[in-house]
Amino acid sequence: GTIGWPEWPKLVASTIDFTSVRRGREWMSPRWRETWF
């Protein structure tokens, strides 16, 4: 994942990507609009 804070004052949402054996090793990339700051 990434944390969006270093681009402040531009608001950049943090991210996460993950993959797991139980989900067939496919990548999941959920996204939210919220930011750390």
All heavy atoms as atom14 arrays in JSON, in Angstrom:
{
  "sequence": "GTIGWPEWPKLVASTIDFTSVRRGREWMSPRWRETWF",
  "atom14_mask": [
    [1, 1, 1, 1, 0, 0, 0, 0, 0, 0, 0, 0, 0, 0],
    [1, 1, 1, 1, 1, 1, 1, 0, 0, 0, 0, 0, 0, 0],
    [1, 1, 1, 1, 1, 1, 1, 1, 0, 0, 0, 0, 0, 0],
    [1, 1, 1, 1, 0, 0, 0, 0, 0, 0, 0, 0, 0, 0],
    [1, 1, 1, 1, 1, 1, 1, 1, 1, 1, 1, 1, 1, 1],
    [1, 1, 1, 1, 1, 1, 1, 0, 0, 0, 0, 0, 0, 0],
    [1, 1, 1, 1, 1, 1, 1, 1, 1, 0, 0, 0, 0, 0],
    [1, 1, 1, 1, 1, 1, 1, 1, 1, 1, 1, 1, 1, 1],
    [1, 1, 1, 1, 1, 1, 1, 0, 0, 0, 0, 0, 0, 0],
    [1, 1, 1, 1, 1, 1, 1, 1, 1, 0, 0, 0, 0, 0],
    [1, 1, 1, 1, 1, 1, 1, 1, 0, 0, 0, 0, 0, 0],
    [1, 1, 1, 1, 1, 1, 1, 0, 0, 0, 0, 0, 0, 0],
    [1, 1, 1, 1, 1, 0, 0, 0, 0, 0, 0, 0, 0, 0],
    [1, 1, 1, 1, 1, 1, 0, 0, 0, 0, 0, 0, 0, 0],
    [1, 1, 1, 1, 1, 1, 1, 0, 0, 0, 0, 0, 0, 0],
    [1, 1, 1, 1, 1, 1, 1, 1, 0, 0, 0, 0, 0, 0],
    [1, 1, 1, 1, 1, 1, 1, 1, 0, 0, 0, 0, 0, 0],
    [1, 1, 1, 1, 1, 1, 1, 1, 1, 1, 1, 0, 0, 0],
    [1, 1, 1, 1, 1, 1, 1, 0, 0, 0, 0, 0, 0, 0],
    [1, 1, 1, 1, 1, 1, 0, 0, 0, 0, 0, 0, 0, 0],
    [1, 1, 1, 1, 1, 1, 1, 0, 0, 0, 0, 0, 0, 0],
    [1, 1, 1, 1, 1, 1, 1, 1, 1, 1, 1, 0, 0, 0],
    [1, 1, 1, 1, 1, 1, 1, 1, 1, 1, 1, 0, 0, 0],
    [1, 1, 1, 1, 0, 0, 0, 0, 0, 0, 0, 0, 0, 0],
    [1, 1, 1, 1, 1, 1, 1, 1, 1, 1, 1, 0, 0, 0],
    [1, 1, 1, 1, 1, 1, 1, 1, 1, 0, 0, 0, 0, 0],
    [1, 1, 1, 1, 1, 1, 1, 1, 1, 1, 1, 1, 1, 1],
    [1, 1, 1, 1, 1, 1, 1, 1, 0, 0, 0, 0, 0, 0],
    [1, 1, 1, 1, 1, 1, 0, 0, 0, 0, 0, 0, 0, 0],
    [1, 1, 1, 1, 1, 1, 1, 0, 0, 0, 0, 0, 0, 0],
    [1, 1, 1, 1, 1, 1, 1, 1, 1, 1, 1, 0, 0, 0],
    [1, 1, 1, 1, 1, 1, 1, 1, 1, 1, 1, 1, 1, 1],
    [1, 1, 1, 1, 1, 1, 1, 1, 1, 1, 1, 0, 0, 0],
    [1, 1, 1, 1, 1, 1, 1, 1, 1, 0, 0, 0, 0, 0],
    [1, 1, 1, 1, 1, 1, 1, 0, 0, 0, 0, 0, 0, 0],
    [1, 1, 1, 1, 1, 1, 1, 1, 1, 1, 1, 1, 1, 1],
    [1, 1, 1, 1, 1, 1, 1, 1, 1, 1, 1, 0, 0, 0]
  ],
  "atom14_positions": [
    [[0.8, -1.21, 0.0], [0.0, 0.0, 0.0], [0.83, 1.25, 0.0], [2.07, 1.22, 0.06], [0.0, 0.0, 0.0], [0.0, 0.0, 0.0], [0.0, 0.0, 0.0], [0.0, 0.0, 0.0], [0.0, 0.0, 0.0], [0.0, 0.0, 0.0], [0.0, 0.0, 0.0], [0.0, 0.0, 0.0], [0.0, 0.0, 0.0], [0.0, 0.0, 0.0]],
    [[0.14, 2.38, -0.08], [0.76, 3.7, -0.03], [-0.01, 4.57, 0.96], [-1.21, 4.37, 1.19], [0.76, 4.39, -1.39], [-0.6, 4.63, -1.8], [1.46, 3.54, -2.44], [0.0, 0.0, 0.0], [0.0, 0.0, 0.0], [0.0, 0.0, 0.0], [0.0, 0.0, 0.0], [0.0, 0.0, 0.0], [0.0, 0.0, 0.0], [0.0, 0.0, 0.0]],
    [[0.7, 5.53, 1.53], [0.09, 6.53, 2.4], [0.2, 7.87, 1.68], [1.29, 8.3, 1.29], [0.82, 6.6, 3.77], [0.91, 5.21, 4.41], [0.12, 7.6, 4.69], [-0.41, 4.6, 4.81], [0.0, 0.0, 0.0], [0.0, 0.0, 0.0], [0.0, 0.0, 0.0], [0.0, 0.0, 0.0], [0.0, 0.0, 0.0], [0.0, 0.0, 0.0]],
    [[-0.92, 8.55, 1.49], [-0.94, 9.72, 0.62], [-0.39, 11.01, 1.21], [-0.24, 11.99, 0.49], [0.0, 0.0, 0.0], [0.0, 0.0, 0.0], [0.0, 0.0, 0.0], [0.0, 0.0, 0.0], [0.0, 0.0, 0.0], [0.0, 0.0, 0.0], [0.0, 0.0, 0.0], [0.0, 0.0, 0.0], [0.0, 0.0, 0.0], [0.0, 0.0, 0.0]],
    [[-0.06, 11.03, 2.5], [0.31, 12.27, 3.2], [1.43, 13.08, 2.55], [1.35, 14.33, 2.54], [0.69, 11.94, 4.65], [1.49, 13.02, 5.29], [1.02, 14.19, 5.82], [2.92, 13.05, 5.43], [2.07, 14.94, 6.28], [3.24, 14.27, 6.06], [3.94, 12.17, 5.1], [4.56, 14.62, 6.36], [5.25, 12.5, 5.39], [5.54, 13.72, 6.02]],
    [[2.51, 12.49, 2.0], [3.61, 13.35, 1.52], [3.23, 14.37, 0.47], [3.99, 15.3, 0.22], [4.62, 12.33, 0.97], [4.39, 11.1, 1.77], [2.89, 11.06, 1.94], [0.0, 0.0, 0.0], [0.0, 0.0, 0.0], [0.0, 0.0, 0.0], [0.0, 0.0, 0.0], [0.0, 0.0, 0.0], [0.0, 0.0, 0.0], [0.0, 0.0, 0.0]],
    [[2.06, 14.25, -0.16], [1.67, 15.22, -1.18], [0.85, 16.38, -0.62], [0.33, 17.2, -1.37], [0.9, 14.51, -2.31], [1.76, 13.51, -3.06], [1.17, 13.12, -4.39], [0.75, 14.03, -5.15], [1.11, 11.9, -4.68], [0.0, 0.0, 0.0], [0.0, 0.0, 0.0], [0.0, 0.0, 0.0], [0.0, 0.0, 0.0], [0.0, 0.0, 0.0]],
    [[0.69, 16.43, 0.74], [-0.02, 17.53, 1.37], [0.58, 18.87, 0.89], [1.79, 18.98, 0.76], [0.1, 17.4, 2.89], [-0.59, 18.5, 3.63], [-0.08, 19.73, 3.95], [-1.93, 18.48, 4.11], [-1.01, 20.48, 4.6], [-2.15, 19.74, 4.72], [-2.96, 17.54, 4.1], [-3.37, 20.07, 5.3], [-4.16, 17.87, 4.69], [-4.37, 19.12, 5.28]],
    [[-0.25, 19.9, 0.61], [-1.67, 20.04, 0.91], [-2.62, 19.41, -0.1], [-3.83, 19.49, 0.08], [-1.86, 21.55, 0.95], [-0.86, 22.07, -0.01], [0.33, 21.17, 0.12], [0.0, 0.0, 0.0], [0.0, 0.0, 0.0], [0.0, 0.0, 0.0], [0.0, 0.0, 0.0], [0.0, 0.0, 0.0], [0.0, 0.0, 0.0], [0.0, 0.0, 0.0]],
    [[-2.1, 18.83, -1.15], [-2.97, 18.06, -2.04], [-3.46, 16.83, -1.29], [-2.68, 16.12, -0.68], [-2.21, 17.63, -3.29], [-3.03, 16.85, -4.29], [-2.19, 16.44, -5.49], [-2.99, 15.63, -6.49], [-2.14, 15.19, -7.65], [0.0, 0.0, 0.0], [0.0, 0.0, 0.0], [0.0, 0.0, 0.0], [0.0, 0.0, 0.0], [0.0, 0.0, 0.0]],
    [[-4.77, 16.58, -1.31], [-5.33, 15.44, -0.59], [-5.28, 14.21, -1.48], [-5.95, 14.14, -2.51], [-6.78, 15.74, -0.18], [-6.98, 16.94, 0.75], [-8.44, 17.08, 1.15], [-6.1, 16.82, 2.0], [0.0, 0.0, 0.0], [0.0, 0.0, 0.0], [0.0, 0.0, 0.0], [0.0, 0.0, 0.0], [0.0, 0.0, 0.0], [0.0, 0.0, 0.0]],
    [[-4.46, 13.26, -1.09], [-4.27, 12.03, -1.85], [-4.62, 10.85, -0.95], [-4.05, 10.68, 0.12], [-2.82, 11.9, -2.35], [-2.63, 10.58, -3.09], [-2.48, 13.08, -3.27], [0.0, 0.0, 0.0], [0.0, 0.0, 0.0], [0.0, 0.0, 0.0], [0.0, 0.0, 0.0], [0.0, 0.0, 0.0], [0.0, 0.0, 0.0], [0.0, 0.0, 0.0]],
    [[-5.58, 10.05, -1.4], [-6.01, 8.92, -0.59], [-4.93, 7.84, -0.53], [-4.21, 7.6, -1.5], [-7.3, 8.33, -1.15], [0.0, 0.0, 0.0], [0.0, 0.0, 0.0], [0.0, 0.0, 0.0], [0.0, 0.0, 0.0], [0.0, 0.0, 0.0], [0.0, 0.0, 0.0], [0.0, 0.0, 0.0], [0.0, 0.0, 0.0], [0.0, 0.0, 0.0]],
    [[-4.83, 7.19, 0.62], [-3.95, 6.04, 0.74], [-4.55, 4.87, -0.04], [-5.74, 4.84, -0.35], [-3.78, 5.66, 2.21], [-3.22, 6.74, 2.93], [0.0, 0.0, 0.0], [0.0, 0.0, 0.0], [0.0, 0.0, 0.0], [0.0, 0.0, 0.0], [0.0, 0.0, 0.0], [0.0, 0.0, 0.0], [0.0, 0.0, 0.0], [0.0, 0.0, 0.0]],
    [[-3.71, 3.89, -0.37], [-4.17, 2.76, -1.18], [-3.74, 1.43, -0.56], [-2.82, 1.38, 0.26], [-3.57, 2.83, -2.6], [-2.15, 2.62, -2.53], [-3.85, 4.17, -3.25], [0.0, 0.0, 0.0], [0.0, 0.0, 0.0], [0.0, 0.0, 0.0], [0.0, 0.0, 0.0], [0.0, 0.0, 0.0], [0.0, 0.0, 0.0], [0.0, 0.0, 0.0]],
    [[-4.39, 0.37, -0.99], [-4.0, -0.98, -0.63], [-4.32, -1.91, -1.81], [-5.36, -1.76, -2.47], [-4.71, -1.48, 0.65], [-4.22, -2.87, 1.06], [-6.23, -1.46, 0.49], [-4.72, -3.34, 2.42], [0.0, 0.0, 0.0], [0.0, 0.0, 0.0], [0.0, 0.0, 0.0], [0.0, 0.0, 0.0], [0.0, 0.0, 0.0], [0.0, 0.0, 0.0]],
    [[-3.42, -2.82, -2.08], [-3.61, -3.91, -3.04], [-3.24, -5.19, -2.3], [-2.27, -5.21, -1.54], [-2.72, -3.75, -4.27], [-2.87, -2.41, -4.95], [-4.0, -2.06, -5.29], [-1.84, -1.72, -5.11], [0.0, 0.0, 0.0], [0.0, 0.0, 0.0], [0.0, 0.0, 0.0], [0.0, 0.0, 0.0], [0.0, 0.0, 0.0], [0.0, 0.0, 0.0]],
    [[-3.98, -6.26, -2.54], [-3.64, -7.51, -1.87], [-4.04, -8.71, -2.72], [-4.92, -8.63, -3.58], [-4.28, -7.59, -0.48], [-5.78, -7.72, -0.48], [-6.4, -8.97, -0.43], [-6.59, -6.59, -0.52], [-7.78, -9.09, -0.42], [-7.98, -6.69, -0.51], [-8.58, -7.96, -0.46], [0.0, 0.0, 0.0], [0.0, 0.0, 0.0], [0.0, 0.0, 0.0]],
    [[-3.38, -9.81, -2.45], [-3.68, -11.08, -3.09], [-3.51, -12.18, -2.05], [-2.69, -12.06, -1.14], [-2.75, -11.33, -4.29], [-3.08, -12.58, -4.89], [-1.3, -11.35, -3.88], [0.0, 0.0, 0.0], [0.0, 0.0, 0.0], [0.0, 0.0, 0.0], [0.0, 0.0, 0.0], [0.0, 0.0, 0.0], [0.0, 0.0, 0.0], [0.0, 0.0, 0.0]],
    [[-4.31, -13.22, -2.14], [-4.2, -14.31, -1.18], [-4.56, -15.63, -1.85], [-5.29, -15.66, -2.86], [-5.11, -14.08, 0.03], [-6.48, -14.17, -0.33], [0.0, 0.0, 0.0], [0.0, 0.0, 0.0], [0.0, 0.0, 0.0], [0.0, 0.0, 0.0], [0.0, 0.0, 0.0], [0.0, 0.0, 0.0], [0.0, 0.0, 0.0], [0.0, 0.0, 0.0]],
    [[-4.07, -16.69, -1.3], [-4.34, -18.02, -1.82], [-5.83, -18.31, -1.81], [-6.39, -18.86, -2.78], [-3.56, -19.07, -1.01], [-3.98, -20.48, -1.4], [-2.05, -18.9, -1.19], [0.0, 0.0, 0.0], [0.0, 0.0, 0.0], [0.0, 0.0, 0.0], [0.0, 0.0, 0.0], [0.0, 0.0, 0.0], [0.0, 0.0, 0.0], [0.0, 0.0, 0.0]],
    [[-6.51, -17.92, -0.74], [-7.93, -18.25, -0.62], [-8.79, -17.53, -1.66], [-9.94, -17.91, -1.9], [-8.44, -17.96, 0.79], [-8.53, -16.5, 1.15], [-9.23, -16.27, 2.49], [-8.57, -16.91, 3.61], [-8.96, -16.78, 4.88], [-10.02, -16.02, 5.16], [-8.33, -17.39, 5.85], [0.0, 0.0, 0.0], [0.0, 0.0, 0.0], [0.0, 0.0, 0.0]],
    [[-8.26, -16.47, -2.28], [-9.01, -15.74, -3.32], [-8.44, -16.01, -4.71], [-8.59, -15.2, -5.62], [-9.02, -14.25, -3.0], [-9.76, -13.95, -1.72], [-9.85, -12.49, -1.39], [-10.48, -12.35, -0.09], [-11.8, -12.3, 0.1], [-12.61, -12.35, -0.94], [-12.31, -12.21, 1.32], [0.0, 0.0, 0.0], [0.0, 0.0, 0.0], [0.0, 0.0, 0.0]],
    [[-7.78, -17.17, -4.85], [-7.29, -17.58, -6.15], [-6.11, -16.81, -6.66], [-5.83, -16.79, -7.86], [0.0, 0.0, 0.0], [0.0, 0.0, 0.0], [0.0, 0.0, 0.0], [0.0, 0.0, 0.0], [0.0, 0.0, 0.0], [0.0, 0.0, 0.0], [0.0, 0.0, 0.0], [0.0, 0.0, 0.0], [0.0, 0.0, 0.0], [0.0, 0.0, 0.0]],
    [[-5.41, -16.14, -5.75], [-4.21, -15.38, -6.09], [-4.47, -14.2, -7.03], [-3.56, -13.69, -7.65], [-3.13, -16.3, -6.68], [-2.62, -17.36, -5.71], [-1.49, -18.17, -6.34], [-0.89, -19.1, -5.38], [-1.34, -20.32, -5.13], [-2.41, -20.76, -5.79], [-0.74, -21.1, -4.26], [0.0, 0.0, 0.0], [0.0, 0.0, 0.0], [0.0, 0.0, 0.0]],
    [[-5.71, -13.77, -7.13], [-6.01, -12.59, -7.92], [-5.79, -11.33, -7.08], [-6.03, -11.33, -5.87], [-7.46, -12.62, -8.41], [-7.74, -13.71, -9.44], [-9.14, -13.61, -9.99], [-9.84, -12.64, -9.64], [-9.54, -14.49, -10.77], [0.0, 0.0, 0.0], [0.0, 0.0, 0.0], [0.0, 0.0, 0.0], [0.0, 0.0, 0.0], [0.0, 0.0, 0.0]],
    [[-5.35, -10.28, -7.72], [-5.12, -9.03, -7.01], [-6.45, -8.3, -6.78], [-7.28, -8.2, -7.68], [-4.18, -8.12, -7.78], [-2.75, -8.5, -7.63], [-2.0, -9.23, -8.5], [-1.89, -8.15, -6.54], [-0.72, -9.38, -8.01], [-0.63, -8.72, -6.81], [-2.06, -7.43, -5.36], [0.45, -8.58, -5.95], [-0.98, -7.29, -4.5], [0.26, -7.85, -4.79]],
    [[-6.63, -7.81, -5.57], [-7.76, -6.96, -5.22], [-7.21, -5.56, -4.95], [-6.18, -5.4, -4.29], [-8.46, -7.48, -3.96], [-8.92, -8.93, -4.06], [-10.38, -9.1, -5.12], [-11.62, -8.35, -4.07], [0.0, 0.0, 0.0], [0.0, 0.0, 0.0], [0.0, 0.0, 0.0], [0.0, 0.0, 0.0], [0.0, 0.0, 0.0], [0.0, 0.0, 0.0]],
    [[-7.92, -4.55, -5.47], [-7.43, -3.17, -5.34], [-8.57, -2.24, -4.92], [-9.03, -1.39, -5.68], [-6.83, -2.69, -6.67], [-5.75, -3.51, -7.05], [0.0, 0.0, 0.0], [0.0, 0.0, 0.0], [0.0, 0.0, 0.0], [0.0, 0.0, 0.0], [0.0, 0.0, 0.0], [0.0, 0.0, 0.0], [0.0, 0.0, 0.0], [0.0, 0.0, 0.0]],
    [[-9.06, -2.38, -3.68], [-10.11, -1.48, -3.21], [-9.57, -0.06, -3.07], [-8.39, 0.15, -2.82], [-10.49, -2.06, -1.85], [-9.25, -2.75, -1.39], [-8.61, -3.31, -2.62], [0.0, 0.0, 0.0], [0.0, 0.0, 0.0], [0.0, 0.0, 0.0], [0.0, 0.0, 0.0], [0.0, 0.0, 0.0], [0.0, 0.0, 0.0], [0.0, 0.0, 0.0]],
    [[-10.44, 0.91, -3.24], [-10.04, 2.29, -3.11], [-11.09, 3.07, -2.32], [-12.29, 2.82, -2.44], [-9.86, 2.95, -4.49], [-8.69, 2.37, -5.3], [-7.36, 2.72, -4.65], [-6.21, 2.25, -5.41], [-5.57, 1.1, -5.17], [-5.97, 0.29, -4.21], [-4.52, 0.76, -5.91], [0.0, 0.0, 0.0], [0.0, 0.0, 0.0], [0.0, 0.0, 0.0]],
    [[-10.61, 4.0, -1.51], [-11.46, 4.89, -0.75], [-11.06, 6.33, -1.04], [-9.93, 6.59, -1.46], [-11.33, 4.62, 0.75], [-11.86, 3.3, 1.2], [-13.1, 3.02, 1.67], [-11.13, 2.05, 1.24], [-13.2, 1.69, 1.99], [-12.01, 1.07, 1.74], [-9.84, 1.67, 0.89], [-11.65, -0.26, 1.9], [-9.46, 0.35, 1.04], [-10.35, -0.6, 1.55]],
    [[-11.93, 7.26, -0.75], [-11.63, 8.67, -0.98], [-10.96, 9.32, 0.21], [-10.33, 10.37, 0.08], [-12.92, 9.43, -1.31], [-13.49, 9.1, -2.68], [-14.75, 9.88, -2.96], [-15.82, 9.55, -2.01], [-17.0, 10.13, -1.97], [-17.29, 11.11, -2.82], [-17.91, 9.77, -1.09], [0.0, 0.0, 0.0], [0.0, 0.0, 0.0], [0.0, 0.0, 0.0]],
    [[-11.09, 8.74, 1.41], [-10.57, 9.36, 2.61], [-9.03, 9.42, 2.6], [-8.37, 8.59, 1.98], [-11.03, 8.59, 3.86], [-12.53, 8.66, 4.12], [-13.34, 7.7, 3.26], [-12.74, 6.86, 2.56], [-14.59, 7.79, 3.29], [0.0, 0.0, 0.0], [0.0, 0.0, 0.0], [0.0, 0.0, 0.0], [0.0, 0.0, 0.0], [0.0, 0.0, 0.0]],
    [[-8.51, 10.41, 3.3], [-7.07, 10.6, 3.38], [-6.62, 10.55, 4.84], [-7.41, 10.77, 5.76], [-6.67, 11.96, 2.78], [-7.32, 13.0, 3.5], [-7.05, 12.04, 1.31], [0.0, 0.0, 0.0], [0.0, 0.0, 0.0], [0.0, 0.0, 0.0], [0.0, 0.0, 0.0], [0.0, 0.0, 0.0], [0.0, 0.0, 0.0], [0.0, 0.0, 0.0]],
    [[-5.31, 10.26, 5.03], [-4.78, 10.25, 6.4], [-4.96, 11.63, 7.03], [-5.55, 11.76, 8.11], [-3.3, 9.84, 6.35], [-2.62, 9.83, 7.7], [-3.21, 9.77, 8.93], [-1.2, 9.86, 7.95], [-2.26, 9.77, 9.93], [-1.03, 9.83, 9.36], [-0.09, 9.91, 7.12], [0.25, 9.84, 9.94], [1.18, 9.93, 7.71], [1.34, 9.9, 9.1]],
    [[-4.46, 12.67, 6.37], [-4.65, 14.05, 6.83], [-5.75, 14.66, 5.97], [-5.6, 14.72, 4.75], [-3.37, 14.86, 6.61], [-2.31, 14.7, 7.67], [-2.02, 13.47, 8.22], [-1.57, 15.8, 8.09], [-1.03, 13.33, 9.17], [-0.57, 15.68, 9.05], [-0.3, 14.43, 9.59], [0.0, 0.0, 0.0], [0.0, 0.0, 0.0], [0.0, 0.0, 0.0]]
  ]
}
